[in-house]
């Protein structure tokens, strides 16, 4: 059965909102239709210019920058939740604690001349001296820059997790969609096999980690008995149950985009059906293809978000 997406991957997801400590209070950060919005910072670009001139950067703007840096970051799939029961508790106090202890690094931006000036001014702070060979100084400063990148990445991840489950699954959806679309683009350009090969282990692990708990609810099978592969093609893939007893295996082949269109939207299991594809995307009403049992043909199901889902997660019903 050929499945052709009729809308963007996020069409089955409602908006969500979180409060972020910013300035002297808290501000709303909102996700809507695939975009992160800062309703209380209408001119974020101007704020970035002021921050570059020595002003303080707003926390909301920092969060938006972190979001943009990681919408195609495969590590998001490794760190983020596997489902609603996978509660990742990170508070803004945790983020502040990391930021307060993150000094001492150097990250250069701007023209070559400004970078050289910053490099010279950084020497005393880095414990370097003009008498130290230039190669040694460059290696030390490169290590400082790399350390700063590690610290920024850690702060980014904690900030994104602190937004809560609704944002966590939506960010995972962005990453899955980016790699699905990126693989197709690379294939058209002739480098698809190499690009897909590099991302494949992480994508398979992400799919298995999220399908395992769903399969356990669906069939009562141990998640360790779920074997996942990535499906490529116009149809939805396959789900087969093989073996008996300890040799029983649920063999699942689904496209990477399943993580975005189905799992991130909270559609993976609806009315005892494993949802394998979205036939008509929309919120709060959609049509999906669901399997009643492994090896069966998918059935079209009309589903509706009846509300009541925690943390901005839809609660779909037939």
C-alpha atoms as a PDB file:
ATOM      1  CA  UNK A   1       0.000   0.000   0.000  1.00  0.00           C
ATOM      2  CA  UNK A   2       1.535   3.290  -1.118  1.00  0.00           C
ATOM      3  CA  UNK A   3       1.484   6.070   1.478  1.00  0.00           C
ATOM      4  CA  UNK A   4       1.932   9.629   0.221  1.00  0.00           C
ATOM      5  CA  UNK A   5       2.073  12.301   2.945  1.00  0.00           C
ATOM      6  CA  UNK A   6      -0.720  14.808   2.489  1.00  0.00           C
ATOM      7  CA  UNK A   7       0.673  17.429   4.885  1.00  0.00           C
ATOM      8  CA  UNK A   8       3.703  18.400   6.937  1.00  0.00           C
ATOM      9  CA  UNK A   9       4.837  15.860   9.535  1.00  0.00           C
ATOM     10  CA  UNK A  10       3.604  18.057  12.412  1.00  0.00           C
ATOM     11  CA  UNK A  11       0.042  18.462  11.109  1.00  0.00           C
ATOM     12  CA  UNK A  12      -1.322  16.081  13.792  1.00  0.00           C
ATOM     13  CA  UNK A  13       0.230  18.048  16.651  1.00  0.00           C
ATOM     14  CA  UNK A  14      -1.443  20.912  18.517  1.00  0.00           C
ATOM     15  CA  UNK A  15       0.572  23.855  19.761  1.00  0.00           C
ATOM     16  CA  UNK A  16       2.229  23.779  23.154  1.00  0.00           C
ATOM     17  CA  UNK A  17       3.597  26.372  25.536  1.00  0.00           C
ATOM     18  CA  UNK A  18       6.075  26.583  28.408  1.00  0.00           C
ATOM     19  CA  UNK A  19       7.093  29.326  30.832  1.00  0.00           C
ATOM     20  CA  UNK A  20      10.771  30.238  30.860  1.00  0.00           C
ATOM     21  CA  UNK A  21      12.565  32.374  33.487  1.00  0.00           C
ATOM     22  CA  UNK A  22      13.534  35.520  31.610  1.00  0.00           C
ATOM     23  CA  UNK A  23      14.584  38.860  33.061  1.00  0.00           C
ATOM     24  CA  UNK A  24      12.720  39.556  36.275  1.00  0.00           C
ATOM     25  CA  UNK A  25       9.859  37.157  35.554  1.00  0.00           C
ATOM     26  CA  UNK A  26       8.824  34.345  33.240  1.00  0.00           C
ATOM     27  CA  UNK A  27       7.932  34.491  29.572  1.00  0.00           C
ATOM     28  CA  UNK A  28       5.987  32.178  27.296  1.00  0.00           C
ATOM     29  CA  UNK A  29       7.806  30.100  24.714  1.00  0.00           C
ATOM     30  CA  UNK A  30       5.440  28.523  22.207  1.00  0.00           C
ATOM     31  CA  UNK A  31       5.664  25.841  19.544  1.00  0.00           C
ATOM     32  CA  UNK A  32       3.106  26.114  16.762  1.00  0.00           C
ATOM     33  CA  UNK A  33       2.919  24.384  13.368  1.00  0.00           C
ATOM     34  CA  UNK A  34       6.589  23.466  13.305  1.00  0.00           C
ATOM     35  CA  UNK A  35       7.961  26.790  14.553  1.00  0.00           C
ATOM     36  CA  UNK A  36       9.266  27.958  17.922  1.00  0.00           C
ATOM     37  CA  UNK A  37       7.770  31.344  18.779  1.00  0.00           C
ATOM     38  CA  UNK A  38       8.728  33.995  21.352  1.00  0.00           C
ATOM     39  CA  UNK A  39       5.528  36.040  21.774  1.00  0.00           C
ATOM     40  CA  UNK A  40       7.121  38.336  24.380  1.00  0.00           C
ATOM     41  CA  UNK A  41      10.210  39.028  22.258  1.00  0.00           C
ATOM     42  CA  UNK A  42       8.810  40.396  18.993  1.00  0.00           C
ATOM     43  CA  UNK A  43      12.243  41.642  17.822  1.00  0.00           C
ATOM     44  CA  UNK A  44      14.624  38.896  18.887  1.00  0.00           C
ATOM     45  CA  UNK A  45      17.144  39.824  16.177  1.00  0.00           C
ATOM     46  CA  UNK A  46      17.523  43.327  17.604  1.00  0.00           C
ATOM     47  CA  UNK A  47      18.039  41.827  21.061  1.00  0.00           C
ATOM     48  CA  UNK A  48      20.826  39.664  19.668  1.00  0.00           C
ATOM     49  CA  UNK A  49      22.545  42.739  18.247  1.00  0.00           C
ATOM     50  CA  UNK A  50      22.379  44.471  21.642  1.00  0.00           C
ATOM     51  CA  UNK A  51      23.728  41.342  23.328  1.00  0.00           C
ATOM     52  CA  UNK A  52      26.653  41.268  20.890  1.00  0.00           C
ATOM     53  CA  UNK A  53      27.445  44.854  21.936  1.00  0.00           C
ATOM     54  CA  UNK A  54      27.684  43.856  25.583  1.00  0.00           C
ATOM     55  CA  UNK A  55      24.077  43.674  26.708  1.00  0.00           C
ATOM     56  CA  UNK A  56      22.520  40.721  28.457  1.00  0.00           C
ATOM     57  CA  UNK A  57      20.969  38.069  26.235  1.00  0.00           C
ATOM     58  CA  UNK A  58      17.407  37.129  27.168  1.00  0.00           C
ATOM     59  CA  UNK A  59      16.926  33.523  28.311  1.00  0.00           C
ATOM     60  CA  UNK A  60      14.037  33.070  25.854  1.00  0.00           C
ATOM     61  CA  UNK A  61      16.327  34.063  22.988  1.00  0.00           C
ATOM     62  CA  UNK A  62      18.989  31.640  24.236  1.00  0.00           C
ATOM     63  CA  UNK A  63      16.402  28.847  24.242  1.00  0.00           C
ATOM     64  CA  UNK A  64      15.320  29.693  20.688  1.00  0.00           C
ATOM     65  CA  UNK A  65      18.939  29.620  19.534  1.00  0.00           C
ATOM     66  CA  UNK A  66      19.490  26.261  21.246  1.00  0.00           C
ATOM     67  CA  UNK A  67      16.361  24.894  19.548  1.00  0.00           C
ATOM     68  CA  UNK A  68      17.592  26.004  16.124  1.00  0.00           C
ATOM     69  CA  UNK A  69      21.007  24.428  16.716  1.00  0.00           C
ATOM     70  CA  UNK A  70      19.551  20.988  17.483  1.00  0.00           C
ATOM     71  CA  UNK A  71      16.612  20.415  15.118  1.00  0.00           C
ATOM     72  CA  UNK A  72      18.759  17.959  13.134  1.00  0.00           C
ATOM     73  CA  UNK A  73      20.920  16.690  16.011  1.00  0.00           C
ATOM     74  CA  UNK A  74      20.684  12.895  16.270  1.00  0.00           C
ATOM     75  CA  UNK A  75      21.759  12.975  19.926  1.00  0.00           C
ATOM     76  CA  UNK A  76      18.334  14.479  20.694  1.00  0.00           C
ATOM     77  CA  UNK A  77      16.843  11.081  19.849  1.00  0.00           C
ATOM     78  CA  UNK A  78      19.260   9.354  22.212  1.00  0.00           C
ATOM     79  CA  UNK A  79      18.690  11.742  25.116  1.00  0.00           C
ATOM     80  CA  UNK A  80      14.972  12.458  24.744  1.00  0.00           C
ATOM     81  CA  UNK A  81      11.995  10.466  26.056  1.00  0.00           C
ATOM     82  CA  UNK A  82      10.841   7.144  24.621  1.00  0.00           C
ATOM     83  CA  UNK A  83       7.216   7.746  25.574  1.00  0.00           C
ATOM     84  CA  UNK A  84       4.906   9.483  28.067  1.00  0.00           C
ATOM     85  CA  UNK A  85       6.061   7.200  30.904  1.00  0.00           C
ATOM     86  CA  UNK A  86       9.694   8.175  30.330  1.00  0.00           C
ATOM     87  CA  UNK A  87       9.768  11.211  32.611  1.00  0.00           C
ATOM     88  CA  UNK A  88      12.872  13.367  32.189  1.00  0.00           C
ATOM     89  CA  UNK A  89      12.872  15.944  34.975  1.00  0.00           C
ATOM     90  CA  UNK A  90      15.142  18.932  34.376  1.00  0.00           C
ATOM     91  CA  UNK A  91      14.457  22.284  36.005  1.00  0.00           C
ATOM     92  CA  UNK A  92      15.650  25.768  35.212  1.00  0.00           C
ATOM     93  CA  UNK A  93      17.693  25.698  38.416  1.00  0.00           C
ATOM     94  CA  UNK A  94      19.698  22.868  36.845  1.00  0.00           C
ATOM     95  CA  UNK A  95      20.298  25.009  33.752  1.00  0.00           C
ATOM     96  CA  UNK A  96      21.373  27.994  35.868  1.00  0.00           C
ATOM     97  CA  UNK A  97      23.764  25.829  37.883  1.00  0.00           C
ATOM     98  CA  UNK A  98      25.505  24.643  34.712  1.00  0.00           C
ATOM     99  CA  UNK A  99      25.693  28.169  33.297  1.00  0.00           C
ATOM    100  CA  UNK A 100      27.207  29.563  36.482  1.00  0.00           C
ATOM    101  CA  UNK A 101      29.960  26.997  36.364  1.00  0.00           C
ATOM    102  CA  UNK A 102      30.609  27.309  32.646  1.00  0.00           C
ATOM    103  CA  UNK A 103      33.133  30.150  32.587  1.00  0.00           C
ATOM    104  CA  UNK A 104      36.693  30.045  31.374  1.00  0.00           C
ATOM    105  CA  UNK A 105      36.247  29.199  27.719  1.00  0.00           C
ATOM    106  CA  UNK A 106      36.737  31.182  24.542  1.00  0.00           C
ATOM    107  CA  UNK A 107      34.533  31.207  21.463  1.00  0.00           C
ATOM    108  CA  UNK A 108      35.654  33.542  18.699  1.00  0.00           C
ATOM    109  CA  UNK A 109      33.341  35.123  16.137  1.00  0.00           C
ATOM    110  CA  UNK A 110      33.643  37.889  13.581  1.00  0.00           C
ATOM    111  CA  UNK A 111      36.354  38.802  11.083  1.00  0.00           C
ATOM    112  CA  UNK A 112      39.870  37.358  10.993  1.00  0.00           C
ATOM    113  CA  UNK A 113      41.294  40.580  12.435  1.00  0.00           C
ATOM    114  CA  UNK A 114      38.887  40.582  15.373  1.00  0.00           C
ATOM    115  CA  UNK A 115      39.580  36.892  15.980  1.00  0.00           C
ATOM    116  CA  UNK A 116      43.329  37.598  16.116  1.00  0.00           C
ATOM    117  CA  UNK A 117      42.773  40.465  18.533  1.00  0.00           C
ATOM    118  CA  UNK A 118      40.630  38.252  20.733  1.00  0.00           C
ATOM    119  CA  UNK A 119      43.272  35.522  20.556  1.00  0.00           C
ATOM    120  CA  UNK A 120      46.022  37.942  21.725  1.00  0.00           C
ATOM    121  CA  UNK A 121      43.869  39.350  24.548  1.00  0.00           C
ATOM    122  CA  UNK A 122      43.002  35.841  25.680  1.00  0.00           C
ATOM    123  CA  UNK A 123      46.603  34.786  26.195  1.00  0.00           C
ATOM    124  CA  UNK A 124      47.050  36.001  29.792  1.00  0.00           C
ATOM    125  CA  UNK A 125      43.661  34.610  30.866  1.00  0.00           C
ATOM    126  CA  UNK A 126      44.549  31.256  29.371  1.00  0.00           C
ATOM    127  CA  UNK A 127      47.865  31.159  31.218  1.00  0.00           C
ATOM    128  CA  UNK A 128      49.837  31.675  27.996  1.00  0.00           C
ATOM    129  CA  UNK A 129      52.731  33.996  27.262  1.00  0.00           C
ATOM    130  CA  UNK A 130      54.306  35.397  24.103  1.00  0.00           C
ATOM    131  CA  UNK A 131      57.427  33.357  24.864  1.00  0.00           C
ATOM    132  CA  UNK A 132      55.427  30.127  24.491  1.00  0.00           C
ATOM    133  CA  UNK A 133      55.722  28.711  20.957  1.00  0.00           C
ATOM    134  CA  UNK A 134      52.843  29.798  18.730  1.00  0.00           C
ATOM    135  CA  UNK A 135      51.892  26.195  17.915  1.00  0.00           C
ATOM    136  CA  UNK A 136      51.524  25.362  21.608  1.00  0.00           C
ATOM    137  CA  UNK A 137      49.412  28.458  22.194  1.00  0.00           C
ATOM    138  CA  UNK A 138      47.120  27.638  19.292  1.00  0.00           C
ATOM    139  CA  UNK A 139      46.612  24.080  20.565  1.00  0.00           C
ATOM    140  CA  UNK A 140      45.779  25.308  24.061  1.00  0.00           C
ATOM    141  CA  UNK A 141      43.317  27.872  22.783  1.00  0.00           C
ATOM    142  CA  UNK A 142      41.770  25.302  20.454  1.00  0.00           C
ATOM    143  CA  UNK A 143      41.255  23.064  23.473  1.00  0.00           C
ATOM    144  CA  UNK A 144      39.595  25.978  25.276  1.00  0.00           C
ATOM    145  CA  UNK A 145      37.286  26.570  22.325  1.00  0.00           C
ATOM    146  CA  UNK A 146      36.353  22.882  22.203  1.00  0.00           C
ATOM    147  CA  UNK A 147      35.659  22.893  25.930  1.00  0.00           C
ATOM    148  CA  UNK A 148      33.392  25.902  25.468  1.00  0.00           C
ATOM    149  CA  UNK A 149      31.482  24.076  22.739  1.00  0.00           C
ATOM    150  CA  UNK A 150      30.981  21.108  25.066  1.00  0.00           C
ATOM    151  CA  UNK A 151      29.693  23.399  27.803  1.00  0.00           C
ATOM    152  CA  UNK A 152      27.353  25.203  25.432  1.00  0.00           C
ATOM    153  CA  UNK A 153      26.020  21.885  24.156  1.00  0.00           C
ATOM    154  CA  UNK A 154      25.339  20.707  27.702  1.00  0.00           C
ATOM    155  CA  UNK A 155      23.527  23.949  28.518  1.00  0.00           C
ATOM    156  CA  UNK A 156      21.546  23.685  25.272  1.00  0.00           C
ATOM    157  CA  UNK A 157      20.380  20.160  26.031  1.00  0.00           C
ATOM    158  CA  UNK A 158      19.375  20.939  29.610  1.00  0.00           C
ATOM    159  CA  UNK A 159      17.462  24.039  28.450  1.00  0.00           C
ATOM    160  CA  UNK A 160      15.564  22.063  25.810  1.00  0.00           C
ATOM    161  CA  UNK A 161      14.731  19.283  28.262  1.00  0.00           C
ATOM    162  CA  UNK A 162      13.538  21.865  30.811  1.00  0.00           C
ATOM    163  CA  UNK A 163      10.804  22.920  28.371  1.00  0.00           C
ATOM    164  CA  UNK A 164       8.968  19.686  29.196  1.00  0.00           C
ATOM    165  CA  UNK A 165       7.691  16.571  27.450  1.00  0.00           C
ATOM    166  CA  UNK A 166       5.612  18.349  24.820  1.00  0.00           C
ATOM    167  CA  UNK A 167       8.635  20.217  23.483  1.00  0.00           C
ATOM    168  CA  UNK A 168      10.902  17.178  23.869  1.00  0.00           C
ATOM    169  CA  UNK A 169       8.810  14.992  21.547  1.00  0.00           C
ATOM    170  CA  UNK A 170       8.306  17.803  19.056  1.00  0.00           C
ATOM    171  CA  UNK A 171      12.053  18.382  18.881  1.00  0.00           C
ATOM    172  CA  UNK A 172      12.532  14.638  18.304  1.00  0.00           C
ATOM    173  CA  UNK A 173      10.014  14.933  15.477  1.00  0.00           C
ATOM    174  CA  UNK A 174      12.024  17.748  13.907  1.00  0.00           C
ATOM    175  CA  UNK A 175      15.194  15.644  14.051  1.00  0.00           C
ATOM    176  CA  UNK A 176      13.548  12.543  12.562  1.00  0.00           C
ATOM    177  CA  UNK A 177      11.947  14.600   9.794  1.00  0.00           C
ATOM    178  CA  UNK A 178      15.225  16.372   9.031  1.00  0.00           C
ATOM    179  CA  UNK A 179      17.050  13.081   8.584  1.00  0.00           C
ATOM    180  CA  UNK A 180      14.252  11.573   6.546  1.00  0.00           C
ATOM    181  CA  UNK A 181      14.210  14.571   4.229  1.00  0.00           C
ATOM    182  CA  UNK A 182      18.000  14.852   4.319  1.00  0.00           C
ATOM    183  CA  UNK A 183      18.418  11.232   3.228  1.00  0.00           C
ATOM    184  CA  UNK A 184      16.086  11.772   0.253  1.00  0.00           C
ATOM    185  CA  UNK A 185      17.929  14.954  -0.747  1.00  0.00           C
ATOM    186  CA  UNK A 186      21.297  13.229  -0.469  1.00  0.00           C
ATOM    187  CA  UNK A 187      20.024  10.324  -2.546  1.00  0.00           C
ATOM    188  CA  UNK A 188      18.938  12.721  -5.293  1.00  0.00           C
ATOM    189  CA  UNK A 189      22.379  14.340  -5.148  1.00  0.00           C
ATOM    190  CA  UNK A 190      24.113  10.966  -5.429  1.00  0.00           C
ATOM    191  CA  UNK A 191      25.516  10.757  -1.872  1.00  0.00           C
ATOM    192  CA  UNK A 192      22.490   9.189  -0.190  1.00  0.00           C
ATOM    193  CA  UNK A 193      24.095   5.842   0.624  1.00  0.00           C
ATOM    194  CA  UNK A 194      26.977   7.409   2.567  1.00  0.00           C
ATOM    195  CA  UNK A 195      24.789   9.946   4.383  1.00  0.00           C
ATOM    196  CA  UNK A 196      22.170   7.368   5.318  1.00  0.00           C
ATOM    197  CA  UNK A 197      24.850   4.944   6.423  1.00  0.00           C
ATOM    198  CA  UNK A 198      26.259   7.388   8.946  1.00  0.00           C
ATOM    199  CA  UNK A 199      22.889   8.162  10.505  1.00  0.00           C
ATOM    200  CA  UNK A 200      21.380   4.672  10.270  1.00  0.00           C
ATOM    201  CA  UNK A 201      22.660   3.206  13.583  1.00  0.00           C
ATOM    202  CA  UNK A 202      21.356   6.170  15.576  1.00  0.00           C
ATOM    203  CA  UNK A 203      18.013   6.132  13.756  1.00  0.00           C
ATOM    204  CA  UNK A 204      17.561   2.386  14.230  1.00  0.00           C
ATOM    205  CA  UNK A 205      18.347   2.740  17.944  1.00  0.00           C
ATOM    206  CA  UNK A 206      15.885   5.641  18.235  1.00  0.00           C
ATOM    207  CA  UNK A 207      13.161   3.658  16.473  1.00  0.00           C
ATOM    208  CA  UNK A 208      13.780   0.534  18.570  1.00  0.00           C
ATOM    209  CA  UNK A 209      13.772   2.495  21.815  1.00  0.00           C
ATOM    210  CA  UNK A 210      10.359   3.932  21.032  1.00  0.00           C
ATOM    211  CA  UNK A 211       8.767   0.927  19.372  1.00  0.00           C
ATOM    212  CA  UNK A 212       9.736  -1.453  22.194  1.00  0.00           C
ATOM    213  CA  UNK A 213       7.378  -0.018  24.846  1.00  0.00           C
ATOM    214  CA  UNK A 214       4.603   0.378  22.251  1.00  0.00           C
ATOM    215  CA  UNK A 215       4.948  -3.278  21.176  1.00  0.00           C
ATOM    216  CA  UNK A 216       4.851  -4.360  24.819  1.00  0.00           C
ATOM    217  CA  UNK A 217       1.521  -2.580  25.264  1.00  0.00           C
ATOM    218  CA  UNK A 218       0.221  -3.890  21.945  1.00  0.00           C
ATOM    219  CA  UNK A 219       1.184  -7.571  22.192  1.00  0.00           C
ATOM    220  CA  UNK A 220       2.690  -8.084  25.637  1.00  0.00           C
ATOM    221  CA  UNK A 221       6.008  -8.890  23.987  1.00  0.00           C
ATOM    222  CA  UNK A 222       9.309  -8.100  25.704  1.00  0.00           C
ATOM    223  CA  UNK A 223      10.856  -4.942  24.146  1.00  0.00           C
ATOM    224  CA  UNK A 224      14.116  -6.871  23.754  1.00  0.00           C
ATOM    225  CA  UNK A 225      12.295  -9.171  21.302  1.00  0.00           C
ATOM    226  CA  UNK A 226      11.498  -6.291  18.948  1.00  0.00           C
ATOM    227  CA  UNK A 227      13.863  -6.154  15.952  1.00  0.00           C
ATOM    228  CA  UNK A 228      13.756  -2.873  14.026  1.00  0.00           C
ATOM    229  CA  UNK A 229      15.006  -1.897  10.599  1.00  0.00           C
ATOM    230  CA  UNK A 230      14.493   1.221   8.522  1.00  0.00           C
ATOM    231  CA  UNK A 231      12.146   0.876   5.576  1.00  0.00           C
ATOM    232  CA  UNK A 232      12.756   2.732   2.327  1.00  0.00           C
ATOM    233  CA  UNK A 233      10.043   2.898  -0.298  1.00  0.00           C
ATOM    234  CA  UNK A 234       6.631   4.376  -1.062  1.00  0.00           C
ATOM    235  CA  UNK A 235       4.697   1.856   1.047  1.00  0.00           C
ATOM    236  CA  UNK A 236       4.441   1.897   4.836  1.00  0.00           C
ATOM    237  CA  UNK A 237       6.767  -1.063   5.568  1.00  0.00           C
ATOM    238  CA  UNK A 238       6.103  -4.370   7.350  1.00  0.00           C
ATOM    239  CA  UNK A 239       5.412  -5.900  10.778  1.00  0.00           C
ATOM    240  CA  UNK A 240       5.785  -9.659  11.238  1.00  0.00           C
ATOM    241  CA  UNK A 241       5.841 -11.968  14.272  1.00  0.00           C
ATOM    242  CA  UNK A 242       8.244 -14.913  13.992  1.00  0.00           C
ATOM    243  CA  UNK A 243       9.414 -17.780  16.198  1.00  0.00           C
ATOM    244  CA  UNK A 244       8.075 -19.126  19.489  1.00  0.00           C
ATOM    245  CA  UNK A 245       8.860 -18.714  23.162  1.00  0.00           C
ATOM    246  CA  UNK A 246      12.252 -17.169  23.765  1.00  0.00           C
ATOM    247  CA  UNK A 247      12.865 -17.176  20.004  1.00  0.00           C
ATOM    248  CA  UNK A 248       9.791 -15.066  19.320  1.00  0.00           C
ATOM    249  CA  UNK A 249      10.622 -11.840  17.506  1.00  0.00           C
ATOM    250  CA  UNK A 250       8.568  -8.921  16.273  1.00  0.00           C
ATOM    251  CA  UNK A 251      10.231  -7.862  13.028  1.00  0.00           C
ATOM    252  CA  UNK A 252       9.362  -4.242  12.269  1.00  0.00           C
ATOM    253  CA  UNK A 253      10.432  -2.203   9.234  1.00  0.00           C
ATOM    254  CA  UNK A 254       9.155   1.366   9.200  1.00  0.00           C
ATOM    255  CA  UNK A 255      10.436   4.575   7.599  1.00  0.00           C
ATOM    256  CA  UNK A 256      12.309   7.143   9.680  1.00  0.00           C
ATOM    257  CA  UNK A 257       9.436   9.567   9.154  1.00  0.00           C
ATOM    258  CA  UNK A 258       7.260   7.281  11.335  1.00  0.00           C
ATOM    259  CA  UNK A 259       9.046   8.774  14.341  1.00  0.00           C
ATOM    260  CA  UNK A 260       7.871  12.243  13.351  1.00  0.00           C
ATOM    261  CA  UNK A 261       4.434  11.722  11.802  1.00  0.00           C
ATOM    262  CA  UNK A 262       3.217   8.949  14.117  1.00  0.00           C
ATOM    263  CA  UNK A 263       5.250   8.615  17.315  1.00  0.00           C
ATOM    264  CA  UNK A 264       5.825  12.325  18.020  1.00  0.00           C
ATOM    265  CA  UNK A 265       2.110  12.976  17.463  1.00  0.00           C
ATOM    266  CA  UNK A 266       1.190  10.375  20.112  1.00  0.00           C
ATOM    267  CA  UNK A 267      -0.424   8.138  17.484  1.00  0.00           C
ATOM    268  CA  UNK A 268       1.709   4.991  17.838  1.00  0.00           C
ATOM    269  CA  UNK A 269      -0.989   2.900  19.547  1.00  0.00           C
ATOM    270  CA  UNK A 270      -4.679   3.730  19.168  1.00  0.00           C
ATOM    271  CA  UNK A 271      -7.535   1.392  20.152  1.00  0.00           C
ATOM    272  CA  UNK A 272      -5.229  -1.665  20.248  1.00  0.00           C
ATOM    273  CA  UNK A 273      -3.953  -0.894  16.759  1.00  0.00           C
ATOM    274  CA  UNK A 274      -0.299  -0.228  15.976  1.00  0.00           C
ATOM    275  CA  UNK A 275      -0.429   2.848  13.768  1.00  0.00           C
ATOM    276  CA  UNK A 276       2.009   2.513  10.872  1.00  0.00           C
ATOM    277  CA  UNK A 277       1.158   5.601   8.804  1.00  0.00           C
ATOM    278  CA  UNK A 278      -0.957   8.743   8.641  1.00  0.00           C
ATOM    279  CA  UNK A 279      -3.288   8.723   5.642  1.00  0.00           C
ATOM    280  CA  UNK A 280      -4.849  12.145   6.260  1.00  0.00           C
ATOM    281  CA  UNK A 281      -3.057  14.418   8.684  1.00  0.00           C
ATOM    282  CA  UNK A 282      -4.838  16.928  10.858  1.00  0.00           C
ATOM    283  CA  UNK A 283      -5.614  17.946  14.384  1.00  0.00           C
ATOM    284  CA  UNK A 284      -7.866  17.224  16.211  1.00  0.00           C
ATOM    285  CA  UNK A 285      -9.120  14.801  13.516  1.00  0.00           C
ATOM    286  CA  UNK A 286      -7.028  12.528  11.326  1.00  0.00           C
ATOM    287  CA  UNK A 287      -7.157   9.259   9.407  1.00  0.00           C
ATOM    288  CA  UNK A 288      -4.441   6.700  10.116  1.00  0.00           C
ATOM    289  CA  UNK A 289      -3.529   3.171   9.049  1.00  0.00           C
ATOM    290  CA  UNK A 290      -3.458   0.744  11.961  1.00  0.00           C
ATOM    291  CA  UNK A 291      -2.561  -2.927  12.386  1.00  0.00           C
ATOM    292  CA  UNK A 292      -4.784  -5.053  14.610  1.00  0.00           C
ATOM    293  CA  UNK A 293      -2.177  -7.847  14.567  1.00  0.00           C
ATOM    294  CA  UNK A 294       1.268  -8.516  13.043  1.00  0.00           C
ATOM    295  CA  UNK A 295       1.067  -9.650   9.453  1.00  0.00           C
ATOM    296  CA  UNK A 296      -2.406  -8.169   8.932  1.00  0.00           C
ATOM    297  CA  UNK A 297      -3.262  -5.530   6.374  1.00  0.00           C
ATOM    298  CA  UNK A 298      -3.494  -2.036   7.853  1.00  0.00           C
ATOM    299  CA  UNK A 299      -6.995  -0.737   8.438  1.00  0.00           C
ATOM    300  CA  UNK A 300      -8.027   2.908   7.939  1.00  0.00           C
ATOM    301  CA  UNK A 301      -9.077   4.451  11.261  1.00  0.00           C
ATOM    302  CA  UNK A 302     -10.734   7.808  11.830  1.00  0.00           C
ATOM    303  CA  UNK A 303      -9.196   9.203  15.029  1.00  0.00           C
ATOM    304  CA  UNK A 304      -9.910  12.233  17.188  1.00  0.00           C
ATOM    305  CA  UNK A 305      -7.936  13.915  19.948  1.00  0.00           C
ATOM    306  CA  UNK A 306     -10.322  13.730  22.858  1.00  0.00           C
ATOM    307  CA  UNK A 307      -8.086  15.816  25.109  1.00  0.00           C
ATOM    308  CA  UNK A 308      -6.886  14.929  28.558  1.00  0.00           C
ATOM    309  CA  UNK A 309      -3.353  14.064  27.471  1.00  0.00           C
ATOM    310  CA  UNK A 310      -0.674  15.227  29.895  1.00  0.00           C
ATOM    311  CA  UNK A 311       2.178  17.580  28.970  1.00  0.00           C
ATOM    312  CA  UNK A 312       0.707  18.684  25.640  1.00  0.00           C
ATOM    313  CA  UNK A 313       0.473  15.078  24.394  1.00  0.00           C
ATOM    314  CA  UNK A 314      -2.683  14.358  22.347  1.00  0.00           C
ATOM    315  CA  UNK A 315      -4.989  11.591  23.542  1.00  0.00           C
ATOM    316  CA  UNK A 316      -6.228   9.947  20.344  1.00  0.00           C
ATOM    317  CA  UNK A 317      -9.394   7.861  20.188  1.00  0.00           C
ATOM    318  CA  UNK A 318     -11.197   6.057  17.374  1.00  0.00           C
END
